[in-house]
Amino acid sequence: MNIKPLADRVVIKMLEAEETTKSGIVLPGTAKEKPQIAEVVAAGPGTDEVKMEVKVGDKVLISKYAGTEVKIDGEQYTIVKQGDILAIVE
């Protein structure tokens, strides 16, 4: 199933950030904060007022509690407005 976002919405997939303490202990997923870096999977066409700045494949930094989480075909995605994207990570 394909997701085609409308207007200035962007479909992203969160990237798992493996966290290791200074002493080398790997923290389990439940002990970590929600990751804020994601990869753009699909982007809408934009609107007359909002030009799309991101494209598929970009790695982006998003607001901590932004978006709506959806599960499609067993994969977890988040749909956010482009305004919730803080920066493109290069």
N, C-alpha and C. Protein backbone atom coordinates (compact mmCIF):
# COMPACT_ATOMS: atom_id res chain seq x y z
N MET A 1 0.84 -1.18 0.00
CA MET A 1 0.00 0.00 0.00
C MET A 1 0.89 1.24 0.00
N ASN A 2 0.57 2.20 -0.84
CA ASN A 2 1.32 3.45 -0.90
C ASN A 2 0.59 4.54 -0.13
N ILE A 3 1.34 5.43 0.46
CA ILE A 3 0.78 6.57 1.17
C ILE A 3 1.09 7.81 0.34
N LYS A 4 0.06 8.59 0.02
CA LYS A 4 0.25 9.83 -0.74
C LYS A 4 -0.29 10.97 0.12
N PRO A 5 0.58 11.71 0.80
CA PRO A 5 0.12 12.78 1.68
C PRO A 5 -0.46 13.95 0.88
N LEU A 6 -1.39 14.65 1.49
CA LEU A 6 -2.04 15.79 0.86
C LEU A 6 -1.45 17.09 1.38
N ALA A 7 -1.60 18.15 0.58
CA ALA A 7 -1.19 19.51 0.93
C ALA A 7 0.27 19.56 1.40
N ASP A 8 0.51 20.11 2.59
CA ASP A 8 1.89 20.27 3.07
C ASP A 8 2.25 19.21 4.11
N ARG A 9 1.67 18.03 3.99
CA ARG A 9 1.98 16.96 4.93
C ARG A 9 3.11 16.08 4.40
N VAL A 10 3.83 15.47 5.32
CA VAL A 10 4.99 14.64 5.00
C VAL A 10 4.88 13.34 5.77
N VAL A 11 5.14 12.22 5.11
CA VAL A 11 5.17 10.91 5.76
C VAL A 11 6.63 10.60 6.08
N ILE A 12 6.91 10.31 7.34
CA ILE A 12 8.28 10.03 7.76
C ILE A 12 8.34 8.69 8.48
N LYS A 13 9.53 8.13 8.49
CA LYS A 13 9.79 6.90 9.25
C LYS A 13 10.90 7.23 10.24
N MET A 14 10.61 7.03 11.50
CA MET A 14 11.57 7.37 12.54
C MET A 14 12.79 6.46 12.45
N LEU A 15 13.96 7.03 12.62
CA LEU A 15 15.21 6.26 12.62
C LEU A 15 15.54 5.89 14.05
N GLU A 16 15.88 4.64 14.26
CA GLU A 16 16.23 4.16 15.60
C GLU A 16 17.64 4.63 15.93
N ALA A 17 17.75 5.33 17.02
CA ALA A 17 19.05 5.79 17.49
C ALA A 17 19.51 4.85 18.59
N GLU A 18 20.54 4.08 18.31
CA GLU A 18 21.05 3.17 19.33
C GLU A 18 21.83 4.00 20.34
N GLU A 19 21.44 3.88 21.57
CA GLU A 19 22.10 4.65 22.62
C GLU A 19 22.96 3.74 23.48
N THR A 20 24.18 4.18 23.67
CA THR A 20 25.11 3.45 24.51
C THR A 20 25.66 4.43 25.54
N THR A 21 25.70 4.02 26.79
CA THR A 21 26.25 4.89 27.83
C THR A 21 27.76 4.97 27.67
N LYS A 22 28.38 5.88 28.41
CA LYS A 22 29.83 6.04 28.35
C LYS A 22 30.56 4.77 28.76
N SER A 23 29.92 3.97 29.61
CA SER A 23 30.56 2.73 30.05
C SER A 23 30.31 1.57 29.10
N GLY A 24 29.55 1.81 27.99
CA GLY A 24 29.35 0.78 26.98
C GLY A 24 28.08 -0.03 27.11
N ILE A 25 27.19 0.38 28.00
CA ILE A 25 25.93 -0.34 28.18
C ILE A 25 24.93 0.16 27.15
N VAL A 26 24.34 -0.77 26.39
CA VAL A 26 23.33 -0.40 25.39
C VAL A 26 21.98 -0.31 26.09
N LEU A 27 21.31 0.84 25.93
CA LEU A 27 20.02 1.05 26.58
C LEU A 27 18.91 0.40 25.77
N PRO A 28 17.98 -0.29 26.41
CA PRO A 28 16.85 -0.87 25.68
C PRO A 28 15.90 0.21 25.21
N GLY A 29 15.03 -0.14 24.26
CA GLY A 29 14.10 0.82 23.67
C GLY A 29 13.21 1.52 24.68
N THR A 30 12.85 0.85 25.76
CA THR A 30 11.96 1.45 26.74
C THR A 30 12.66 2.51 27.58
N ALA A 31 13.97 2.49 27.63
CA ALA A 31 14.70 3.46 28.44
C ALA A 31 15.11 4.69 27.64
N LYS A 32 14.90 4.65 26.33
CA LYS A 32 15.30 5.77 25.48
C LYS A 32 14.14 6.72 25.24
N GLU A 33 14.49 7.97 24.94
CA GLU A 33 13.47 8.93 24.54
C GLU A 33 13.07 8.66 23.09
N LYS A 34 11.92 9.18 22.70
CA LYS A 34 11.47 9.04 21.32
C LYS A 34 12.48 9.72 20.40
N PRO A 35 12.91 9.05 19.33
CA PRO A 35 13.89 9.66 18.44
C PRO A 35 13.27 10.85 17.71
N GLN A 36 14.10 11.82 17.37
CA GLN A 36 13.62 13.01 16.70
C GLN A 36 14.15 13.12 15.28
N ILE A 37 14.95 12.16 14.84
CA ILE A 37 15.46 12.17 13.48
C ILE A 37 14.72 11.11 12.69
N ALA A 38 14.26 11.50 11.50
CA ALA A 38 13.46 10.60 10.68
C ALA A 38 13.85 10.76 9.22
N GLU A 39 13.41 9.79 8.41
CA GLU A 39 13.64 9.85 6.97
C GLU A 39 12.30 10.10 6.28
N VAL A 40 12.31 11.01 5.29
CA VAL A 40 11.10 11.32 4.55
C VAL A 40 10.79 10.18 3.59
N VAL A 41 9.58 9.62 3.70
CA VAL A 41 9.13 8.52 2.85
C VAL A 41 8.29 9.05 1.70
N ALA A 42 7.48 10.08 1.96
CA ALA A 42 6.63 10.70 0.94
C ALA A 42 6.34 12.13 1.35
N ALA A 43 6.16 13.01 0.37
CA ALA A 43 5.86 14.41 0.64
C ALA A 43 4.72 14.85 -0.24
N GLY A 44 3.83 15.67 0.31
CA GLY A 44 2.70 16.19 -0.45
C GLY A 44 3.15 17.24 -1.45
N PRO A 45 2.23 17.73 -2.27
CA PRO A 45 2.57 18.69 -3.32
C PRO A 45 2.77 20.11 -2.81
N GLY A 46 2.38 20.39 -1.57
CA GLY A 46 2.44 21.74 -1.06
C GLY A 46 1.14 22.47 -1.34
N THR A 47 1.09 23.74 -0.99
CA THR A 47 -0.09 24.57 -1.24
C THR A 47 0.38 25.87 -1.87
N ASP A 48 -0.58 26.75 -2.18
CA ASP A 48 -0.21 28.05 -2.74
C ASP A 48 0.62 28.85 -1.74
N GLU A 49 0.34 28.68 -0.45
CA GLU A 49 1.04 29.43 0.60
C GLU A 49 2.32 28.74 1.06
N VAL A 50 2.38 27.41 0.94
CA VAL A 50 3.50 26.64 1.49
C VAL A 50 4.21 25.88 0.37
N LYS A 51 5.46 26.24 0.11
CA LYS A 51 6.29 25.53 -0.86
C LYS A 51 7.00 24.39 -0.12
N MET A 52 6.99 23.21 -0.70
CA MET A 52 7.63 22.07 -0.05
C MET A 52 9.15 22.21 -0.10
N GLU A 53 9.78 22.11 1.06
CA GLU A 53 11.23 22.24 1.19
C GLU A 53 11.92 20.89 1.32
N VAL A 54 11.15 19.85 1.64
CA VAL A 54 11.74 18.52 1.83
C VAL A 54 11.35 17.61 0.67
N LYS A 55 12.17 16.58 0.46
CA LYS A 55 11.89 15.61 -0.59
C LYS A 55 12.13 14.21 -0.05
N VAL A 56 11.66 13.22 -0.76
CA VAL A 56 11.82 11.82 -0.35
C VAL A 56 13.30 11.51 -0.19
N GLY A 57 13.65 10.87 0.91
CA GLY A 57 15.03 10.48 1.18
C GLY A 57 15.76 11.43 2.12
N ASP A 58 15.22 12.64 2.32
CA ASP A 58 15.86 13.58 3.25
C ASP A 58 15.77 13.05 4.67
N LYS A 59 16.79 13.31 5.46
CA LYS A 59 16.76 13.01 6.89
C LYS A 59 16.42 14.34 7.56
N VAL A 60 15.42 14.30 8.43
CA VAL A 60 14.92 15.53 9.04
C VAL A 60 14.85 15.42 10.56
N LEU A 61 14.89 16.56 11.20
CA LEU A 61 14.74 16.68 12.65
C LEU A 61 13.35 17.23 12.90
N ILE A 62 12.55 16.54 13.70
CA ILE A 62 11.17 16.98 13.91
C ILE A 62 10.94 17.37 15.36
N SER A 63 9.84 18.09 15.58
CA SER A 63 9.42 18.45 16.93
C SER A 63 9.14 17.18 17.72
N LYS A 64 9.39 17.21 19.00
CA LYS A 64 9.33 16.02 19.84
C LYS A 64 7.97 15.31 19.83
N TYR A 65 6.89 16.05 19.92
CA TYR A 65 5.57 15.42 20.01
C TYR A 65 4.72 15.68 18.78
N ALA A 66 5.35 15.88 17.64
CA ALA A 66 4.64 16.22 16.40
C ALA A 66 4.09 14.99 15.71
N GLY A 67 3.02 15.19 14.97
CA GLY A 67 2.54 14.18 14.04
C GLY A 67 1.55 13.18 14.58
N THR A 68 1.08 12.37 13.64
CA THR A 68 0.14 11.30 13.91
C THR A 68 0.78 9.99 13.50
N GLU A 69 0.87 9.05 14.42
CA GLU A 69 1.49 7.77 14.12
C GLU A 69 0.47 6.83 13.49
N VAL A 70 0.89 6.17 12.41
CA VAL A 70 0.04 5.20 11.73
C VAL A 70 0.85 3.93 11.46
N LYS A 71 0.14 2.79 11.40
CA LYS A 71 0.81 1.53 11.11
C LYS A 71 0.20 0.97 9.83
N ILE A 72 1.02 0.80 8.81
CA ILE A 72 0.55 0.30 7.52
C ILE A 72 1.46 -0.85 7.09
N ASP A 73 0.84 -1.97 6.77
CA ASP A 73 1.57 -3.18 6.35
C ASP A 73 2.66 -3.56 7.34
N GLY A 74 2.40 -3.38 8.64
CA GLY A 74 3.34 -3.76 9.68
C GLY A 74 4.45 -2.76 9.93
N GLU A 75 4.48 -1.67 9.18
CA GLU A 75 5.51 -0.63 9.35
C GLU A 75 4.90 0.57 10.07
N GLN A 76 5.68 1.19 10.96
CA GLN A 76 5.24 2.35 11.72
C GLN A 76 5.70 3.62 11.01
N TYR A 77 4.76 4.52 10.69
CA TYR A 77 5.05 5.80 10.05
C TYR A 77 4.45 6.92 10.88
N THR A 78 4.93 8.13 10.65
CA THR A 78 4.37 9.31 11.28
C THR A 78 4.06 10.31 10.18
N ILE A 79 2.88 10.92 10.26
CA ILE A 79 2.50 11.95 9.29
C ILE A 79 2.55 13.29 10.02
N VAL A 80 3.36 14.21 9.49
CA VAL A 80 3.53 15.53 10.09
C VAL A 80 3.28 16.61 9.05
N LYS A 81 2.99 17.81 9.52
CA LYS A 81 2.94 18.95 8.62
C LYS A 81 4.38 19.43 8.44
N GLN A 82 4.65 20.03 7.28
CA GLN A 82 6.01 20.49 7.03
C GLN A 82 6.46 21.48 8.11
N GLY A 83 5.54 22.23 8.69
CA GLY A 83 5.88 23.19 9.75
C GLY A 83 6.42 22.53 11.01
N ASP A 84 6.15 21.24 11.22
CA ASP A 84 6.67 20.52 12.38
C ASP A 84 8.09 20.02 12.16
N ILE A 85 8.59 20.16 10.94
CA ILE A 85 9.97 19.75 10.65
C ILE A 85 10.87 20.95 10.96
N LEU A 86 11.83 20.72 11.84
CA LEU A 86 12.70 21.80 12.30
C LEU A 86 13.89 22.04 11.39
N ALA A 87 14.44 20.95 10.81
CA ALA A 87 15.64 21.10 10.00
C ALA A 87 15.87 19.85 9.15
N ILE A 88 16.64 20.02 8.10
CA ILE A 88 17.10 18.89 7.29
C ILE A 88 18.50 18.56 7.79
N VAL A 89 18.74 17.29 8.10
CA VAL A 89 20.03 16.84 8.61
C VAL A 89 20.89 16.40 7.42
N GLU A 90 22.06 17.02 7.29
CA GLU A 90 22.95 16.67 6.17
C GLU A 90 24.15 15.90 6.64
